[in-house]
């Protein structure tokens, strides 16, 4: 595959001042492009896709042309008969497979995967935010053009999102949570320091009214997602992953307050009872869901609650965890829940539960997000279903289905390309060669 821009392709496609000849193809991709009768005054980019993964229809289209104006997709349709505006820039991906930009719904961009446990205590919030700028660039280059950052100290993810949106830093589109909310001494508190320090994380809130106040505080300082810890966790000290922490009453208060303020709620929950109560409280997604039982699966399907199950990072934790400071108790907890989580992923998917792609990046190195696709296929999904979980379904969970998640007219021009066929080999998605975000090429392997 040649990713270089070649003017010769323009002649092959046929230059003209109108793009109306691909209206029918564009409509088939999800509606009439805006203002097709009057092409935008902005420069138009024509992308020739040898193969295009249509995640809406669940099929691969051959030899397509995607027209982009500014940040948005104007139209999509067959190359045969397509007419491209004179002077359009050409991106030749005729030897590649083109997909929508990928969505990871569970990341921690400000988290350094080489510093866990007590090693993390020497990292200031400002330093973590600086690291997040690096992680954002690496994540974008890996083909993840959108992420949901579910917890960061010092509102570092809010600052990172705003800097990216302002064009000051390269990185993916972001939904962000600020501090994760949890009980005193729970998974979302910091339990590494002795009583002498009298330290608690700023997201700690006990009781329904304290929890409501924390939701309001997160919203005040820029969080557009609310993250809660309904259960214990693997990488925290002194708790059990399956033990419930927030009560149903506390979670109901959080969800009511968050939804009133237009924020969605993501609940960290490993244990069966915490998963059940989080779903009953009305959360929008359950993260991890390692020990979900039949009742939890039934409720998730009934309520339409997304599960976001990070089934790759078990490998990294068990293979590398001791080297990067993870506590011995954390490694033992992972041994108890890792394989169970993978088996329950299969069970929940086969039962018809909605799932979005999420990896817990920051536990493992940023940029390796796509390694999870292999496991999603191994544990029950087809490659197309796994790709949908990381595109249109992830967009739905984030509330952005109208702007990202598919290659469709009117949506942001967030596109990636790989050499081979990711439907035959999901590992192709770990070798992204081309990335476009909002109509701007941010990675072109042949240009390096």
Protein backbone atom coordinates (compact mmCIF):
# COMPACT_ATOMS: atom_id res chain seq x y z
CA UNK A 1 0.00 0.00 0.00
CA UNK A 2 1.22 3.48 -0.91
CA UNK A 3 -0.02 6.21 1.42
CA UNK A 4 1.67 9.07 -0.42
CA UNK A 5 -0.49 11.73 -1.91
CA UNK A 6 -0.34 11.33 -5.67
CA UNK A 7 -1.79 13.87 -8.02
CA UNK A 8 -2.09 11.17 -10.65
CA UNK A 9 -5.03 9.70 -8.79
CA UNK A 10 -7.01 12.87 -9.45
CA UNK A 11 -6.96 12.17 -13.15
CA UNK A 12 -7.94 8.57 -12.57
CA UNK A 13 -10.96 9.61 -10.54
CA UNK A 14 -11.87 12.45 -12.89
CA UNK A 15 -11.63 16.09 -11.90
CA UNK A 16 -14.63 18.40 -12.02
CA UNK A 17 -16.21 21.23 -10.13
CA UNK A 18 -19.15 19.20 -8.83
CA UNK A 19 -19.44 16.31 -6.42
CA UNK A 20 -23.12 15.54 -7.02
CA UNK A 21 -22.39 12.30 -8.91
CA UNK A 22 -21.70 10.44 -5.67
CA UNK A 23 -24.86 11.56 -3.89
CA UNK A 24 -26.44 8.12 -4.15
CA UNK A 25 -23.45 6.40 -2.61
CA UNK A 26 -23.35 8.97 0.16
CA UNK A 27 -27.02 8.48 0.93
CA UNK A 28 -26.44 4.75 1.22
CA UNK A 29 -23.82 5.51 3.85
CA UNK A 30 -26.19 7.32 6.20
CA UNK A 31 -27.91 10.35 4.71
CA UNK A 32 -27.51 13.29 2.40
CA UNK A 33 -24.30 15.25 2.94
CA UNK A 34 -24.79 18.85 4.04
CA UNK A 35 -24.67 21.52 1.32
CA UNK A 36 -23.71 19.16 -1.50
CA UNK A 37 -25.19 21.49 -4.08
CA UNK A 38 -22.74 24.17 -2.97
CA UNK A 39 -19.32 22.65 -2.25
CA UNK A 40 -17.59 24.16 0.74
CA UNK A 41 -15.20 27.00 0.20
CA UNK A 42 -12.77 24.99 2.32
CA UNK A 43 -10.32 22.76 0.52
CA UNK A 44 -11.71 19.34 -0.32
CA UNK A 45 -9.76 16.13 0.23
CA UNK A 46 -10.62 13.04 -1.80
CA UNK A 47 -9.64 9.74 -0.19
CA UNK A 48 -9.47 6.67 -2.40
CA UNK A 49 -10.18 3.59 -0.24
CA UNK A 50 -9.37 0.22 -1.75
CA UNK A 51 -11.52 -1.39 0.95
CA UNK A 52 -13.79 0.48 3.35
CA UNK A 53 -15.20 -1.12 6.51
CA UNK A 54 -18.83 -0.06 6.72
CA UNK A 55 -19.56 -0.67 10.41
CA UNK A 56 -23.21 0.37 10.05
CA UNK A 57 -24.01 -2.27 7.43
CA UNK A 58 -21.45 -4.71 8.80
CA UNK A 59 -19.67 -5.25 5.49
CA UNK A 60 -16.62 -4.22 3.50
CA UNK A 61 -17.08 -2.01 0.45
CA UNK A 62 -14.58 -2.09 -2.41
CA UNK A 63 -13.08 0.89 -4.24
CA UNK A 64 -14.75 3.83 -2.50
CA UNK A 65 -14.16 7.58 -2.56
CA UNK A 66 -14.56 9.65 0.62
CA UNK A 67 -14.83 13.40 0.15
CA UNK A 68 -13.86 15.57 3.10
CA UNK A 69 -14.30 19.30 3.57
CA UNK A 70 -12.77 20.88 6.64
CA UNK A 71 -13.36 18.55 9.60
CA UNK A 72 -16.35 16.73 8.14
CA UNK A 73 -17.12 14.01 5.64
CA UNK A 74 -19.07 15.36 2.68
CA UNK A 75 -19.92 12.08 1.01
CA UNK A 76 -18.98 8.45 0.54
CA UNK A 77 -19.56 6.37 -2.55
CA UNK A 78 -18.14 4.09 -5.27
CA UNK A 79 -15.14 5.37 -7.19
CA UNK A 80 -16.73 4.37 -10.48
CA UNK A 81 -18.29 7.51 -11.86
CA UNK A 82 -17.22 9.67 -8.94
CA UNK A 83 -16.49 13.30 -9.76
CA UNK A 84 -13.99 15.12 -7.57
CA UNK A 85 -13.77 18.94 -7.35
CA UNK A 86 -10.93 20.54 -9.26
CA UNK A 87 -7.94 21.16 -7.04
CA UNK A 88 -8.95 18.61 -4.45
CA UNK A 89 -6.14 17.05 -2.48
CA UNK A 90 -5.88 13.31 -3.10
CA UNK A 91 -5.07 10.70 -0.48
CA UNK A 92 -4.43 7.38 -2.18
CA UNK A 93 -5.34 4.47 0.08
CA UNK A 94 -6.32 2.25 -2.82
CA UNK A 95 -4.12 -0.55 -1.51
CA UNK A 96 -5.40 -0.26 2.05
CA UNK A 97 -8.34 -1.07 4.30
CA UNK A 98 -9.93 2.11 5.66
CA UNK A 99 -11.92 2.17 8.90
CA UNK A 100 -13.50 4.79 11.14
CA UNK A 101 -11.19 6.14 13.83
CA UNK A 102 -11.24 3.83 16.85
CA UNK A 103 -12.82 4.57 20.25
CA UNK A 104 -11.37 3.37 23.57
CA UNK A 105 -13.98 3.96 26.26
CA UNK A 106 -11.72 3.27 29.25
CA UNK A 107 -8.30 4.91 29.43
CA UNK A 108 -6.15 6.80 31.92
CA UNK A 109 -3.95 9.00 29.73
CA UNK A 110 -2.25 10.65 32.71
CA UNK A 111 -1.32 7.25 34.13
CA UNK A 112 2.29 6.13 33.63
CA UNK A 113 2.28 2.31 33.25
CA UNK A 114 5.87 2.09 34.47
CA UNK A 115 4.99 3.57 37.89
CA UNK A 116 2.50 1.57 39.93
CA UNK A 117 2.01 1.07 43.65
CA UNK A 118 4.40 2.98 45.91
CA UNK A 119 6.41 4.15 42.88
CA UNK A 120 3.43 6.31 41.89
CA UNK A 121 3.59 8.41 45.07
CA UNK A 122 6.40 10.56 43.70
CA UNK A 123 4.35 11.72 40.72
CA UNK A 124 2.68 15.12 41.07
CA UNK A 125 -0.59 15.95 39.33
CA UNK A 126 1.26 18.42 37.12
CA UNK A 127 3.84 15.82 36.11
CA UNK A 128 1.07 13.32 35.38
CA UNK A 129 -0.64 15.86 33.12
CA UNK A 130 2.63 16.38 31.26
CA UNK A 131 2.90 12.64 30.76
CA UNK A 132 -0.71 12.67 29.55
CA UNK A 133 0.26 14.97 26.70
CA UNK A 134 2.71 12.33 25.51
CA UNK A 135 0.23 9.50 25.99
CA UNK A 136 -2.43 11.38 24.03
CA UNK A 137 -0.14 11.69 21.02
CA UNK A 138 0.85 8.02 21.18
CA UNK A 139 -2.79 6.96 21.48
CA UNK A 140 -3.82 9.03 18.49
CA UNK A 141 -0.98 7.62 16.38
CA UNK A 142 -2.22 4.13 17.25
CA UNK A 143 -5.51 4.92 15.52
CA UNK A 144 -7.65 5.81 18.55
CA UNK A 145 -9.13 9.13 17.56
CA UNK A 146 -11.54 9.22 20.53
CA UNK A 147 -11.15 8.11 24.16
CA UNK A 148 -13.07 8.32 27.42
CA UNK A 149 -10.66 9.11 30.26
CA UNK A 150 -12.18 7.66 33.43
CA UNK A 151 -10.26 9.30 36.23
CA UNK A 152 -7.28 11.62 36.67
CA UNK A 153 -5.80 13.61 39.54
CA UNK A 154 -5.79 17.40 39.57
CA UNK A 155 -8.32 17.52 36.71
CA UNK A 156 -5.38 16.75 34.44
CA UNK A 157 -7.65 15.07 31.92
CA UNK A 158 -9.85 18.17 31.76
CA UNK A 159 -6.80 20.31 30.98
CA UNK A 160 -5.59 17.79 28.42
CA UNK A 161 -8.95 17.65 26.68
CA UNK A 162 -9.17 21.43 26.54
CA UNK A 163 -5.62 21.79 25.17
CA UNK A 164 -6.35 19.23 22.45
CA UNK A 165 -9.64 20.90 21.56
CA UNK A 166 -7.83 24.26 21.33
CA UNK A 167 -5.29 22.79 18.89
CA UNK A 168 -2.40 23.26 21.31
CA UNK A 169 -1.58 19.55 21.57
CA UNK A 170 -2.13 16.55 19.31
CA UNK A 171 -4.42 13.92 20.73
CA UNK A 172 -7.76 12.16 20.46
CA UNK A 173 -11.18 13.58 21.15
CA UNK A 174 -11.83 13.11 24.85
CA UNK A 175 -14.62 12.54 27.30
CA UNK A 176 -13.21 13.08 30.80
CA UNK A 177 -14.16 12.38 34.40
CA UNK A 178 -11.80 14.40 36.59
CA UNK A 179 -11.55 12.59 39.93
CA UNK A 180 -13.21 9.19 40.24
CA UNK A 181 -15.74 9.08 43.08
CA UNK A 182 -15.48 6.44 45.79
CA UNK A 183 -15.75 5.66 49.50
CA UNK A 184 -13.10 6.46 52.08
CA UNK A 185 -10.52 3.69 51.97
CA UNK A 186 -11.96 2.27 48.76
CA UNK A 187 -10.54 1.59 45.34
CA UNK A 188 -10.78 5.26 44.32
CA UNK A 189 -9.03 6.48 47.46
CA UNK A 190 -5.24 6.32 47.98
CA UNK A 191 -4.49 3.75 50.68
CA UNK A 192 -0.70 3.66 50.34
CA UNK A 193 0.03 6.29 52.99
CA UNK A 194 -0.23 5.79 56.79
CA UNK A 195 -2.60 7.69 59.05
CA UNK A 196 0.12 10.25 59.83
CA UNK A 197 -0.55 11.93 56.48
CA UNK A 198 -4.35 12.15 56.92
CA UNK A 199 -4.61 11.91 53.15
CA UNK A 200 -7.67 11.13 51.08
CA UNK A 201 -8.24 11.50 47.35
CA UNK A 202 -10.40 14.44 46.30
CA UNK A 203 -13.03 12.14 44.83
CA UNK A 204 -13.85 10.52 48.18
CA UNK A 205 -17.52 10.96 49.11
CA UNK A 206 -19.45 8.96 51.69
CA UNK A 207 -23.23 9.01 51.81
CA UNK A 208 -25.78 10.12 49.18
CA UNK A 209 -25.53 13.87 49.80
CA UNK A 210 -21.74 13.97 49.87
CA UNK A 211 -21.80 11.96 46.66
CA UNK A 212 -24.24 14.40 45.03
CA UNK A 213 -21.99 17.28 46.04
CA UNK A 214 -19.00 15.56 44.43
CA UNK A 215 -20.90 15.11 41.18
CA UNK A 216 -21.61 18.82 41.19
CA UNK A 217 -17.96 19.57 41.91
CA UNK A 218 -16.75 17.39 39.03
CA UNK A 219 -19.22 19.05 36.68
CA UNK A 220 -18.20 22.52 37.90
CA UNK A 221 -14.56 21.91 37.04
CA UNK A 222 -15.13 20.46 33.61
CA UNK A 223 -15.89 16.74 33.85
CA UNK A 224 -18.35 15.56 31.20
CA UNK A 225 -18.41 11.98 32.57
CA UNK A 226 -18.83 10.81 36.15
CA UNK A 227 -16.72 7.79 37.17
CA UNK A 228 -17.59 5.91 40.37
CA UNK A 229 -16.06 2.97 42.17
CA UNK A 230 -18.87 0.61 43.06
CA UNK A 231 -16.51 -2.16 44.17
CA UNK A 232 -12.96 -2.80 45.23
CA UNK A 233 -10.25 -3.15 42.62
CA UNK A 234 -7.19 -5.07 41.55
CA UNK A 235 -4.50 -2.38 41.73
CA UNK A 236 -5.65 -0.77 44.98
CA UNK A 237 -4.31 -1.64 48.42
CA UNK A 238 -6.32 -3.26 51.18
CA UNK A 239 -9.57 -4.15 49.43
CA UNK A 240 -11.08 -7.07 47.54
CA UNK A 241 -11.96 -6.68 43.90
CA UNK A 242 -15.34 -8.35 44.34
CA UNK A 243 -16.39 -6.50 47.51
CA UNK A 244 -19.12 -3.89 47.08
CA UNK A 245 -18.20 -0.36 48.20
CA UNK A 246 -20.83 2.20 47.17
CA UNK A 247 -24.34 1.25 48.28
CA UNK A 248 -27.35 1.21 45.97
CA UNK A 249 -28.65 4.37 47.67
CA UNK A 250 -25.37 6.21 47.08
CA UNK A 251 -25.21 5.14 43.45
CA UNK A 252 -28.82 6.16 42.84
CA UNK A 253 -28.03 9.63 44.17
CA UNK A 254 -24.95 9.91 41.95
CA UNK A 255 -26.75 8.78 38.81
CA UNK A 256 -29.74 11.05 39.41
CA UNK A 257 -27.50 14.05 39.97
CA UNK A 258 -25.22 13.27 37.02
CA UNK A 259 -28.05 12.69 34.56
CA UNK A 260 -29.76 15.87 35.76
CA UNK A 261 -26.55 17.71 34.85
CA UNK A 262 -26.26 15.97 31.48
CA UNK A 263 -23.36 13.70 32.49
CA UNK A 264 -23.16 9.96 31.91
CA UNK A 265 -21.97 7.60 34.62
CA UNK A 266 -19.34 4.86 34.35
CA UNK A 267 -19.17 2.44 37.28
CA UNK A 268 -16.00 0.52 38.11
CA UNK A 269 -17.46 -2.77 39.38
CA UNK A 270 -15.86 -6.21 39.60
CA UNK A 271 -18.20 -7.99 42.03
CA UNK A 272 -21.64 -9.41 41.23
CA UNK A 273 -23.57 -7.39 43.84
CA UNK A 274 -21.88 -4.12 42.88
CA UNK A 275 -22.61 -4.76 39.21
CA UNK A 276 -26.25 -5.51 39.99
CA UNK A 277 -26.75 -2.39 42.11
CA UNK A 278 -24.90 -0.17 39.64
CA UNK A 279 -27.23 -1.30 36.85
CA UNK A 280 -30.30 -0.89 39.05
CA UNK A 281 -29.09 2.63 39.92
CA UNK A 282 -29.07 3.46 36.20
CA UNK A 283 -25.38 3.79 35.32
CA UNK A 284 -24.61 4.04 31.61
CA UNK A 285 -21.76 1.54 31.66
CA UNK A 286 -20.17 -1.00 33.96
CA UNK A 287 -16.39 -1.13 33.74
CA UNK A 288 -14.48 -4.41 34.15
CA UNK A 289 -17.54 -6.51 35.19
CA UNK A 290 -15.18 -9.37 36.01
CA UNK A 291 -17.43 -11.41 38.32
CA UNK A 292 -20.77 -10.64 36.67
CA UNK A 293 -23.37 -13.35 37.32
CA UNK A 294 -26.51 -14.44 35.48
CA UNK A 295 -28.61 -11.77 37.22
CA UNK A 296 -26.16 -9.05 36.23
CA UNK A 297 -26.16 -10.24 32.64
CA UNK A 298 -29.97 -10.31 32.58
CA UNK A 299 -30.20 -6.80 34.05
CA UNK A 300 -27.59 -5.36 31.68
CA UNK A 301 -29.47 -6.75 28.70
CA UNK A 302 -32.82 -5.58 30.05
CA UNK A 303 -31.64 -2.04 30.90
CA UNK A 304 -29.41 -1.62 27.84
CA UNK A 305 -26.37 -1.01 30.05
CA UNK A 306 -23.02 -1.22 28.30
CA UNK A 307 -20.28 -3.46 29.64
CA UNK A 308 -16.71 -2.27 29.11
CA UNK A 309 -14.50 -5.27 29.86
CA UNK A 310 -10.71 -4.81 29.68
CA UNK A 311 -9.76 -8.37 28.78
CA UNK A 312 -6.27 -7.69 27.38
CA UNK A 313 -4.42 -6.21 30.35
CA UNK A 314 -4.48 -9.42 32.40
CA UNK A 315 -1.47 -10.42 30.28
CA UNK A 316 0.46 -7.25 31.06
CA UNK A 317 -0.33 -7.27 34.77
CA UNK A 318 0.80 -10.85 35.29
CA UNK A 319 3.84 -10.63 33.02
CA UNK A 320 5.13 -7.16 33.82
CA UNK A 321 3.35 -6.05 36.99
CA UNK A 322 6.08 -6.93 39.48
CA UNK A 323 8.64 -5.01 37.39
CA UNK A 324 6.62 -1.80 37.43
CA UNK A 325 5.78 -1.72 41.12
CA UNK A 326 2.42 -3.44 41.29
CA UNK A 327 1.77 -4.76 44.80
CA UNK A 328 2.00 -8.51 45.43
CA UNK A 329 -1.60 -8.45 46.63
CA UNK A 330 -2.62 -6.86 43.31
CA UNK A 331 -0.96 -9.63 41.34
CA UNK A 332 -2.75 -12.20 43.47
CA UNK A 333 -6.09 -10.48 42.90
CA UNK A 334 -5.48 -10.45 39.16
CA UNK A 335 -4.82 -14.18 39.19
CA UNK A 336 -8.24 -14.64 40.76
CA UNK A 337 -10.26 -12.46 38.38
CA UNK A 338 -8.37 -12.29 35.07
CA UNK A 339 -9.49 -15.51 33.40
CA UNK A 340 -12.91 -15.35 35.03
CA UNK A 341 -13.42 -11.94 33.44
CA UNK A 342 -12.57 -13.32 30.01
CA UNK A 343 -14.95 -16.24 30.42
CA UNK A 344 -17.71 -13.87 31.56
CA UNK A 345 -17.03 -11.62 28.57
CA UNK A 346 -17.95 -14.54 26.32
CA UNK A 347 -21.00 -15.37 28.42
CA UNK A 348 -22.32 -11.80 28.46
CA UNK A 349 -21.73 -11.28 24.75
CA UNK A 350 -23.48 -14.51 23.82
CA UNK A 351 -26.41 -13.42 26.00
CA UNK A 352 -26.83 -10.25 23.95
CA UNK A 353 -25.42 -7.60 26.29
CA UNK A 354 -24.21 -4.37 24.68
CA UNK A 355 -20.43 -3.95 24.83
CA UNK A 356 -18.04 -1.14 24.07
CA UNK A 357 -14.29 -1.41 23.59
CA UNK A 358 -12.30 -0.32 26.66
CA UNK A 359 -8.84 -1.37 27.76
CA UNK A 360 -7.71 0.45 30.94
CA UNK A 361 -4.75 1.95 29.09
CA UNK A 362 -2.35 3.39 31.61
CA UNK A 363 -2.24 0.06 33.41
CA UNK A 364 -0.33 -1.13 30.32
CA UNK A 365 1.60 1.10 27.86
CA UNK A 366 -0.44 3.62 25.91
CA UNK A 367 -0.60 2.90 22.21
CA UNK A 368 -1.01 -0.85 22.70
CA UNK A 369 -4.80 -0.48 22.94
CA UNK A 370 -5.53 -2.50 19.80
CA UNK A 371 -3.96 -5.63 21.28
CA UNK A 372 -7.34 -6.24 22.90
CA UNK A 373 -9.07 -7.00 19.57
CA UNK A 374 -7.47 -10.44 19.48
CA UNK A 375 -8.99 -11.35 22.84
CA UNK A 376 -12.43 -10.03 21.96
CA UNK A 377 -12.46 -12.34 18.96
CA UNK A 378 -10.99 -15.24 20.93
CA UNK A 379 -13.74 -14.86 23.52
CA UNK A 380 -16.75 -14.77 21.28
CA UNK A 381 -16.97 -11.80 18.92
CA UNK A 382 -16.48 -11.85 15.19
CA UNK A 383 -13.84 -9.39 13.96
CA UNK A 384 -16.60 -7.11 12.63
CA UNK A 385 -18.37 -7.16 16.01
CA UNK A 386 -15.13 -6.27 17.79
CA UNK A 387 -14.57 -3.38 15.37
CA UNK A 388 -18.13 -2.18 15.91
CA UNK A 389 -17.51 -2.22 19.68
CA UNK A 390 -14.59 0.16 19.06
CA UNK A 391 -16.41 2.40 16.60
CA UNK A 392 -20.16 2.87 16.37
CA UNK A 393 -20.96 1.21 19.72
CA UNK A 394 -18.27 3.17 21.55
CA UNK A 395 -19.63 6.34 19.95
CA UNK A 396 -23.11 5.45 21.19
CA UNK A 397 -21.88 4.94 24.75
CA UNK A 398 -20.12 8.31 24.74
CA UNK A 399 -23.18 10.09 23.37
CA UNK A 400 -21.38 10.98 20.16
CA UNK A 401 -23.01 8.64 17.66
CA UNK A 402 -24.03 11.67 15.59
CA UNK A 403 -20.43 12.81 15.10
CA UNK A 404 -18.04 9.80 15.19
CA UNK A 405 -18.01 6.01 14.90
CA UNK A 406 -18.65 5.44 11.20
CA UNK A 407 -17.49 6.74 7.84
CA UNK A 408 -20.69 8.61 7.03
CA UNK A 409 -21.61 11.96 5.54
CA UNK A 410 -21.79 14.74 8.11
CA UNK A 411 -19.57 13.05 10.69
CA UNK A 412 -16.05 14.07 11.63
CA UNK A 413 -13.45 12.84 9.18
CA UNK A 414 -11.76 10.51 11.66
CA UNK A 415 -10.24 7.71 9.59
CA UNK A 416 -7.52 5.09 9.89
CA UNK A 417 -6.00 2.64 7.43
CA UNK A 418 -4.09 -0.62 7.63
CA UNK A 419 -2.30 -2.61 4.95
CA UNK A 420 -4.08 -5.93 5.36
CA UNK A 421 -7.53 -7.22 6.21
CA UNK A 422 -8.49 -6.75 9.89
CA UNK A 423 -11.51 -8.99 9.40
CA UNK A 424 -9.17 -11.87 8.59
CA UNK A 425 -6.52 -10.90 11.14
CA UNK A 426 -7.51 -8.51 13.96
CA UNK A 427 -3.79 -7.99 14.69
CA UNK A 428 -3.75 -5.71 11.63
CA UNK A 429 -5.29 -3.07 13.91
CA UNK A 430 -2.08 -3.01 15.94
CA UNK A 431 -0.28 -1.86 12.78
CA UNK A 432 -2.16 1.29 11.83
CA UNK A 433 -0.33 3.07 9.03
CA UNK A 434 -2.52 6.11 8.43
CA UNK A 435 -4.53 8.31 10.78
CA UNK A 436 -6.74 11.28 9.97
CA UNK A 437 -8.53 13.24 12.68
CA UNK A 438 -11.02 15.90 11.73
CA UNK A 439 -9.78 16.02 8.15
CA UNK A 440 -6.13 16.48 9.14
CA UNK A 441 -3.61 13.73 8.42
CA UNK A 442 -1.75 13.09 11.67
CA UNK A 443 0.08 9.91 10.63
CA UNK A 444 1.19 8.68 7.22
CA UNK A 445 3.73 5.86 7.48
CA UNK A 446 5.10 6.37 3.98
CA UNK A 447 5.80 10.03 4.69
CA UNK A 448 8.20 9.19 7.53
